[in-house]
Amino acid sequence: MATRMMLFVLMALLLPAAAATSLPDPTALPKAMTSPGTEALQEAPALDWVKLNGKHSIAWYGGSIVKLGESVEGGRVTAIHEDHIVISGKGGRRVIYLLDKSTRTQLLAPPRPTRKTRN
């Protein structure tokens, strides 16, 4: 009787683990990202943050810190502003924003009407 009970308990403990092995790993990358051809498709460098300090302003662009006047891919950093940097080079002038245009633009609320107070 005790051995049957032990077998039943052991089966009850092992069944959920066996069922979980058939579930997909929630932390695994999607198959499209792990396919062999994705190395050639690299994301364009992005601007992640900006620190303004006059001529000593810095920005995090393409995974590294860049300073005013430093060379980056395709040109030099010619300006660092509050929400974007400017890269100038042989190919022309590029402006890289912190956020894309859809999230940058905000509609301004109309001004509140002034209330007339009683004296």
N, C-alpha and C. Protein backbone atom coordinates (compact mmCIF):
# COMPACT_ATOMS: atom_id res chain seq x y z
N MET A 1 0.82 -1.19 0.00
CA MET A 1 0.00 0.00 0.00
C MET A 1 0.86 1.26 0.00
N ALA A 2 1.91 1.26 0.82
CA ALA A 2 2.78 2.43 0.91
C ALA A 2 3.55 2.62 -0.40
N THR A 3 3.94 1.50 -1.04
CA THR A 3 4.67 1.64 -2.30
C THR A 3 3.75 2.19 -3.39
N ARG A 4 2.50 1.76 -3.39
CA ARG A 4 1.56 2.31 -4.36
C ARG A 4 1.35 3.81 -4.15
N MET A 5 1.25 4.19 -2.89
CA MET A 5 1.07 5.60 -2.57
C MET A 5 2.30 6.40 -3.00
N MET A 6 3.49 5.86 -2.79
CA MET A 6 4.73 6.54 -3.18
C MET A 6 4.80 6.67 -4.70
N LEU A 7 4.40 5.61 -5.43
CA LEU A 7 4.39 5.67 -6.88
C LEU A 7 3.40 6.73 -7.37
N PHE A 8 2.25 6.79 -6.75
CA PHE A 8 1.25 7.78 -7.13
C PHE A 8 1.77 9.21 -6.90
N VAL A 9 2.40 9.44 -5.77
CA VAL A 9 2.95 10.77 -5.46
C VAL A 9 4.06 11.10 -6.44
N LEU A 10 4.92 10.14 -6.74
CA LEU A 10 6.01 10.37 -7.68
C LEU A 10 5.47 10.70 -9.07
N MET A 11 4.44 10.00 -9.51
CA MET A 11 3.83 10.28 -10.81
C MET A 11 3.19 11.67 -10.81
N ALA A 12 2.55 12.03 -9.71
CA ALA A 12 1.90 13.33 -9.62
C ALA A 12 2.93 14.45 -9.68
N LEU A 13 4.12 14.21 -9.14
CA LEU A 13 5.17 15.22 -9.18
C LEU A 13 5.83 15.32 -10.55
N LEU A 14 5.95 14.21 -11.26
CA LEU A 14 6.65 14.20 -12.54
C LEU A 14 5.77 14.60 -13.72
N LEU A 15 4.48 14.43 -13.62
CA LEU A 15 3.60 14.76 -14.74
C LEU A 15 3.66 16.23 -15.15
N PRO A 16 3.57 17.20 -14.23
CA PRO A 16 3.65 18.60 -14.66
C PRO A 16 4.99 18.94 -15.32
N ALA A 17 6.08 18.36 -14.85
CA ALA A 17 7.38 18.63 -15.46
C ALA A 17 7.45 18.06 -16.86
N ALA A 18 6.88 16.89 -17.07
CA ALA A 18 6.88 16.29 -18.41
C ALA A 18 5.99 17.09 -19.35
N ALA A 19 4.89 17.61 -18.86
CA ALA A 19 4.00 18.41 -19.70
C ALA A 19 4.63 19.75 -20.05
N ALA A 20 5.43 20.30 -19.15
CA ALA A 20 6.05 21.60 -19.39
C ALA A 20 7.14 21.54 -20.44
N THR A 21 7.72 20.37 -20.68
CA THR A 21 8.78 20.27 -21.69
C THR A 21 8.25 20.51 -23.09
N SER A 22 6.95 20.32 -23.29
CA SER A 22 6.39 20.54 -24.62
C SER A 22 6.04 22.01 -24.86
N LEU A 23 6.09 22.85 -23.83
CA LEU A 23 5.78 24.27 -23.98
C LEU A 23 6.97 25.02 -24.58
N PRO A 24 6.71 26.08 -25.36
CA PRO A 24 7.82 26.87 -25.91
C PRO A 24 8.47 27.71 -24.82
N ASP A 25 9.74 28.03 -25.01
CA ASP A 25 10.48 28.85 -24.06
C ASP A 25 10.04 30.31 -24.21
N PRO A 26 9.47 30.92 -23.17
CA PRO A 26 9.00 32.30 -23.31
C PRO A 26 10.13 33.32 -23.42
N THR A 27 11.36 32.93 -23.04
CA THR A 27 12.48 33.87 -23.11
C THR A 27 13.29 33.74 -24.39
N ALA A 28 12.94 32.77 -25.24
CA ALA A 28 13.69 32.57 -26.48
C ALA A 28 13.33 33.65 -27.50
N LEU A 29 14.31 34.01 -28.33
CA LEU A 29 14.08 34.98 -29.40
C LEU A 29 13.15 34.39 -30.44
N PRO A 30 12.39 35.21 -31.12
CA PRO A 30 11.55 34.71 -32.20
C PRO A 30 12.40 34.07 -33.30
N LYS A 31 11.84 33.11 -34.00
CA LYS A 31 12.60 32.39 -35.02
C LYS A 31 13.09 33.32 -36.12
N ALA A 32 12.35 34.38 -36.42
CA ALA A 32 12.77 35.32 -37.46
C ALA A 32 14.07 36.03 -37.06
N MET A 33 14.28 36.22 -35.77
CA MET A 33 15.50 36.90 -35.32
C MET A 33 16.68 35.95 -35.23
N THR A 34 16.43 34.66 -35.13
CA THR A 34 17.52 33.71 -35.00
C THR A 34 17.85 33.01 -36.30
N SER A 35 17.17 33.36 -37.38
CA SER A 35 17.46 32.72 -38.66
C SER A 35 18.82 33.16 -39.17
N PRO A 36 19.49 32.36 -39.99
CA PRO A 36 20.85 32.66 -40.41
C PRO A 36 21.03 33.93 -41.21
N GLY A 37 20.02 34.43 -41.91
CA GLY A 37 20.20 35.60 -42.77
C GLY A 37 20.09 36.94 -42.06
N THR A 38 19.87 36.97 -40.75
CA THR A 38 19.64 38.24 -40.07
C THR A 38 20.92 39.01 -39.76
N GLU A 39 22.08 38.39 -39.89
CA GLU A 39 23.31 39.12 -39.61
C GLU A 39 23.52 40.25 -40.61
N ALA A 40 23.08 40.04 -41.84
CA ALA A 40 23.26 41.06 -42.87
C ALA A 40 22.32 42.24 -42.65
N LEU A 41 21.17 41.99 -42.02
CA LEU A 41 20.22 43.06 -41.78
C LEU A 41 20.47 43.67 -40.41
N GLN A 42 21.24 44.73 -40.36
CA GLN A 42 21.53 45.39 -39.10
C GLN A 42 20.67 46.63 -38.98
N GLU A 43 20.29 46.93 -37.76
CA GLU A 43 19.51 48.13 -37.53
C GLU A 43 20.38 49.36 -37.71
N ALA A 44 19.77 50.43 -38.14
CA ALA A 44 20.48 51.69 -38.25
C ALA A 44 20.82 52.18 -36.84
N PRO A 45 21.97 52.81 -36.67
CA PRO A 45 22.32 53.31 -35.34
C PRO A 45 21.26 54.29 -34.84
N ALA A 46 20.98 54.23 -33.56
CA ALA A 46 19.94 55.07 -32.98
C ALA A 46 20.54 56.02 -31.95
N LEU A 47 19.87 57.12 -31.75
CA LEU A 47 20.25 58.08 -30.72
C LEU A 47 19.45 57.75 -29.48
N ASP A 48 20.14 57.41 -28.38
CA ASP A 48 19.45 56.98 -27.17
C ASP A 48 19.31 58.07 -26.12
N TRP A 49 20.34 58.91 -25.95
CA TRP A 49 20.24 60.00 -24.99
C TRP A 49 21.20 61.11 -25.36
N VAL A 50 20.96 62.28 -24.78
CA VAL A 50 21.77 63.47 -25.05
C VAL A 50 22.02 64.17 -23.73
N LYS A 51 23.26 64.66 -23.53
CA LYS A 51 23.59 65.47 -22.36
C LYS A 51 24.16 66.78 -22.88
N LEU A 52 23.46 67.88 -22.63
CA LEU A 52 23.90 69.18 -23.12
C LEU A 52 24.77 69.87 -22.08
N ASN A 53 25.94 70.34 -22.55
CA ASN A 53 26.86 71.07 -21.69
C ASN A 53 27.73 71.97 -22.56
N GLY A 54 27.10 72.82 -23.35
CA GLY A 54 27.85 73.73 -24.21
C GLY A 54 28.69 72.99 -25.22
N LYS A 55 29.99 73.33 -25.29
CA LYS A 55 30.90 72.67 -26.22
C LYS A 55 31.25 71.25 -25.78
N HIS A 56 30.91 70.91 -24.56
CA HIS A 56 31.23 69.58 -24.02
C HIS A 56 30.02 68.64 -24.04
N SER A 57 29.04 68.94 -24.87
CA SER A 57 27.85 68.09 -24.96
C SER A 57 28.22 66.72 -25.51
N ILE A 58 27.52 65.70 -25.03
CA ILE A 58 27.76 64.33 -25.49
C ILE A 58 26.41 63.68 -25.81
N ALA A 59 26.48 62.59 -26.57
CA ALA A 59 25.27 61.84 -26.92
C ALA A 59 25.63 60.37 -27.04
N TRP A 60 24.66 59.52 -26.82
CA TRP A 60 24.84 58.07 -27.00
C TRP A 60 24.23 57.72 -28.35
N TYR A 61 25.11 57.45 -29.33
CA TYR A 61 24.66 57.18 -30.69
C TYR A 61 25.31 55.90 -31.19
N GLY A 62 24.52 54.98 -31.64
CA GLY A 62 25.03 53.74 -32.21
C GLY A 62 25.79 52.88 -31.23
N GLY A 63 25.45 52.97 -29.96
CA GLY A 63 26.07 52.11 -28.96
C GLY A 63 27.33 52.67 -28.33
N SER A 64 27.67 53.93 -28.60
CA SER A 64 28.85 54.53 -27.97
C SER A 64 28.63 56.02 -27.76
N ILE A 65 29.43 56.59 -26.89
CA ILE A 65 29.34 58.02 -26.60
C ILE A 65 30.05 58.78 -27.70
N VAL A 66 29.39 59.81 -28.22
CA VAL A 66 30.00 60.67 -29.23
C VAL A 66 30.00 62.10 -28.72
N LYS A 67 31.07 62.82 -29.08
CA LYS A 67 31.21 64.22 -28.69
C LYS A 67 31.09 65.09 -29.92
N LEU A 68 30.93 66.36 -29.70
CA LEU A 68 30.85 67.33 -30.78
C LEU A 68 32.16 67.31 -31.57
N GLY A 69 32.07 67.15 -32.88
CA GLY A 69 33.25 67.13 -33.74
C GLY A 69 33.83 65.74 -33.98
N GLU A 70 33.37 64.73 -33.26
CA GLU A 70 33.88 63.37 -33.46
C GLU A 70 33.36 62.79 -34.76
N SER A 71 34.19 61.93 -35.35
CA SER A 71 33.74 61.28 -36.58
C SER A 71 32.95 60.02 -36.23
N VAL A 72 31.85 59.86 -36.93
CA VAL A 72 31.02 58.67 -36.82
C VAL A 72 30.81 58.17 -38.23
N GLU A 73 30.09 57.08 -38.39
CA GLU A 73 29.89 56.52 -39.72
C GLU A 73 29.32 57.57 -40.68
N GLY A 74 30.04 57.83 -41.73
CA GLY A 74 29.54 58.72 -42.76
C GLY A 74 29.70 60.20 -42.50
N GLY A 75 30.41 60.61 -41.48
CA GLY A 75 30.60 62.04 -41.25
C GLY A 75 31.06 62.38 -39.85
N ARG A 76 30.83 63.63 -39.48
CA ARG A 76 31.20 64.14 -38.15
C ARG A 76 29.96 64.69 -37.46
N VAL A 77 29.98 64.61 -36.13
CA VAL A 77 28.90 65.19 -35.34
C VAL A 77 29.12 66.70 -35.33
N THR A 78 28.24 67.43 -35.99
CA THR A 78 28.40 68.88 -36.09
C THR A 78 27.53 69.65 -35.12
N ALA A 79 26.50 69.02 -34.56
CA ALA A 79 25.65 69.70 -33.59
C ALA A 79 24.97 68.66 -32.70
N ILE A 80 24.86 69.02 -31.44
CA ILE A 80 24.12 68.20 -30.48
C ILE A 80 23.07 69.11 -29.85
N HIS A 81 21.81 68.74 -30.05
CA HIS A 81 20.70 69.53 -29.53
C HIS A 81 19.92 68.71 -28.52
N GLU A 82 18.91 69.32 -27.94
CA GLU A 82 18.12 68.69 -26.90
C GLU A 82 17.45 67.40 -27.35
N ASP A 83 16.97 67.35 -28.59
CA ASP A 83 16.24 66.17 -29.05
C ASP A 83 16.83 65.53 -30.29
N HIS A 84 17.99 66.00 -30.77
CA HIS A 84 18.58 65.41 -31.96
C HIS A 84 20.06 65.78 -32.08
N ILE A 85 20.75 65.04 -32.95
CA ILE A 85 22.12 65.39 -33.31
C ILE A 85 22.18 65.57 -34.82
N VAL A 86 23.21 66.28 -35.28
CA VAL A 86 23.39 66.51 -36.70
C VAL A 86 24.72 65.91 -37.10
N ILE A 87 24.70 65.08 -38.15
CA ILE A 87 25.92 64.47 -38.68
C ILE A 87 26.10 64.99 -40.09
N SER A 88 27.26 65.61 -40.36
CA SER A 88 27.55 66.16 -41.68
C SER A 88 28.73 65.42 -42.27
N GLY A 89 28.66 65.16 -43.57
CA GLY A 89 29.75 64.46 -44.25
C GLY A 89 29.63 64.61 -45.75
N LYS A 90 30.37 63.76 -46.46
CA LYS A 90 30.35 63.82 -47.93
C LYS A 90 28.97 63.53 -48.49
N GLY A 91 28.22 62.69 -47.82
CA GLY A 91 26.89 62.33 -48.30
C GLY A 91 25.83 63.37 -47.97
N GLY A 92 26.21 64.44 -47.31
CA GLY A 92 25.25 65.48 -46.95
C GLY A 92 25.10 65.60 -45.45
N ARG A 93 23.97 66.12 -45.05
CA ARG A 93 23.69 66.39 -43.65
C ARG A 93 22.52 65.52 -43.20
N ARG A 94 22.70 64.82 -42.07
CA ARG A 94 21.63 63.97 -41.53
C ARG A 94 21.28 64.45 -40.13
N VAL A 95 20.01 64.40 -39.81
CA VAL A 95 19.53 64.74 -38.48
C VAL A 95 18.96 63.47 -37.87
N ILE A 96 19.48 63.08 -36.71
CA ILE A 96 19.01 61.87 -36.03
C ILE A 96 18.30 62.32 -34.76
N TYR A 97 17.02 61.96 -34.65
CA TYR A 97 16.21 62.37 -33.51
C TYR A 97 16.19 61.29 -32.43
N LEU A 98 15.95 61.72 -31.20
CA LEU A 98 15.79 60.78 -30.10
C LEU A 98 14.57 59.89 -30.32
N LEU A 99 13.47 60.48 -30.72
CA LEU A 99 12.23 59.75 -30.93
C LEU A 99 11.77 59.95 -32.36
N ASP A 100 11.02 59.00 -32.89
CA ASP A 100 10.50 59.19 -34.24
C ASP A 100 9.41 60.27 -34.24
N LYS A 101 9.10 60.77 -35.41
CA LYS A 101 8.20 61.92 -35.53
C LYS A 101 6.82 61.65 -34.94
N SER A 102 6.35 60.42 -35.02
CA SER A 102 5.01 60.13 -34.52
C SER A 102 4.91 60.31 -33.01
N THR A 103 6.00 60.09 -32.30
CA THR A 103 5.95 60.27 -30.85
C THR A 103 6.45 61.63 -30.41
N ARG A 104 7.17 62.34 -31.28
CA ARG A 104 7.69 63.66 -30.93
C ARG A 104 6.63 64.73 -30.97
N THR A 105 5.79 64.67 -31.97
CA THR A 105 4.84 65.77 -32.15
C THR A 105 3.67 65.61 -31.21
N GLN A 106 3.40 66.65 -30.48
CA GLN A 106 2.27 66.66 -29.56
C GLN A 106 1.41 67.87 -29.89
N LEU A 107 0.13 67.66 -29.92
CA LEU A 107 -0.77 68.77 -30.16
C LEU A 107 -0.86 69.62 -28.90
N LEU A 108 -0.76 70.90 -29.09
CA LEU A 108 -0.87 71.80 -27.95
C LEU A 108 -2.34 72.01 -27.62
N ALA A 109 -2.62 72.01 -26.34
CA ALA A 109 -3.99 72.25 -25.91
C ALA A 109 -4.31 73.73 -26.08
N PRO A 110 -5.54 74.04 -26.47
CA PRO A 110 -5.90 75.45 -26.60
C PRO A 110 -5.85 76.12 -25.23
N PRO A 111 -5.54 77.40 -25.18
CA PRO A 111 -5.46 78.08 -23.88
C PRO A 111 -6.83 78.11 -23.21
N ARG A 112 -6.79 78.07 -21.90
CA ARG A 112 -8.03 78.10 -21.14
C ARG A 112 -8.63 79.50 -21.21
N PRO A 113 -9.93 79.58 -21.31
CA PRO A 113 -10.55 80.91 -21.31
C PRO A 113 -10.42 81.54 -19.93
N THR A 114 -10.23 82.83 -19.91
CA THR A 114 -10.10 83.52 -18.62
C THR A 114 -11.47 83.71 -18.02
N ARG A 115 -11.53 83.55 -16.74
CA ARG A 115 -12.79 83.71 -16.02
C ARG A 115 -12.92 85.15 -15.53
N LYS A 116 -14.09 85.64 -15.64
CA LYS A 116 -14.36 86.96 -15.09
C LYS A 116 -14.79 86.78 -13.64
N THR A 117 -14.16 87.52 -12.78
CA THR A 117 -14.50 87.41 -11.36
C THR A 117 -15.44 88.54 -10.96
N ARG A 118 -16.25 88.24 -10.01
CA ARG A 118 -17.17 89.27 -9.49
C ARG A 118 -16.46 90.06 -8.41
N ASN A 119 -16.74 91.30 -8.37
CA ASN A 119 -16.15 92.15 -7.32
C ASN A 119 -17.09 92.38 -6.20
